[in-house]
Amino acid sequence: MSWQIETEAGLRLNIRRSKTSKKAVWLFHGYGANEQDLAGVADYMDPDGVYTWILPQGPYEVGFGPYMVGRSWFDLDVPTIQESIAKGDKSFLEREISPALAKSSADLIPKVAVASAPFDEVVFAGFSQGSFVAFDLFLSLLDSTEFLVRTAMLFSTAMARPRVWAEKITQLDKQTVFQSHGLEDPVLPFAGAQRLKDSLEKARDTSGLTFEFEGFQGGHEIPASALDGALRCLPHNQGE
């Protein structure tokens, strides 16, 4: 199985295609990375190629130096966010992240829908900033009539759109969400993840939502324990 770069619906995609099914996983990279960054996740979780893995490139450039350029899904005022985190100010999610994420999702939803049309089922996954995008798309495309959406896998995430997500989470039923987070994460402190975790646990207790959380000793990363937890939540590993 090989990776290839394709362009679909205006998106640059790093794709590893399955020859055995019409299921796909969209995996969104974090801030400053690119469409190549998380290919190892697919190789670890799905070595047999049960799924087509789609790793899109963020539309915005992030410069780290004269010869180092990454990508992002929306611009971030990093110094302001870092200052808020240092002060324990959680309102930066609503103030800094939520409106930028809403704009990014509005642009991505029709493009992702078009690129997903050939598949019967689509899973949304992401790391850090990419997990914000993945979960927003998951919640927005649940009612798609073109393909089934029932699984989200979120690595190092937070309650990025508190008011919007809180309402939509209460409507989840018969879907599966996996969330992982490092207890010592310096980039997205655990408190932000806890708020999302609490909302998902409440939905699990009051509806048909399947929710699994993996907290681990570590920072802003995706350890093997998180990948193993996410692997259990993929539809074909749930007997479906």
Foldseek 3Di string as FASTA:
>chain_A
DDWDWDAALNWTKTKDAAPAAQEEEEEEEAPQAFQVPCPVLCCVLPVPRPHMYIRTGAPAWDDDDPPGIHHALFDFPVVVVLVCVVVVNPCCLQVTQQVRLVVSLVVCQVRVCRVSLSGAAYEFEYAERSLSNRVVSLLVCCPPPRHHRAEYEYEAYFCNNVVVVLVSLLVDANGEYEYEFECAASRRHVVRVVVVVVSNVVSVVVHHYHYYYHYDHDYRDQDPVSSVVSSCRPPVNVVD
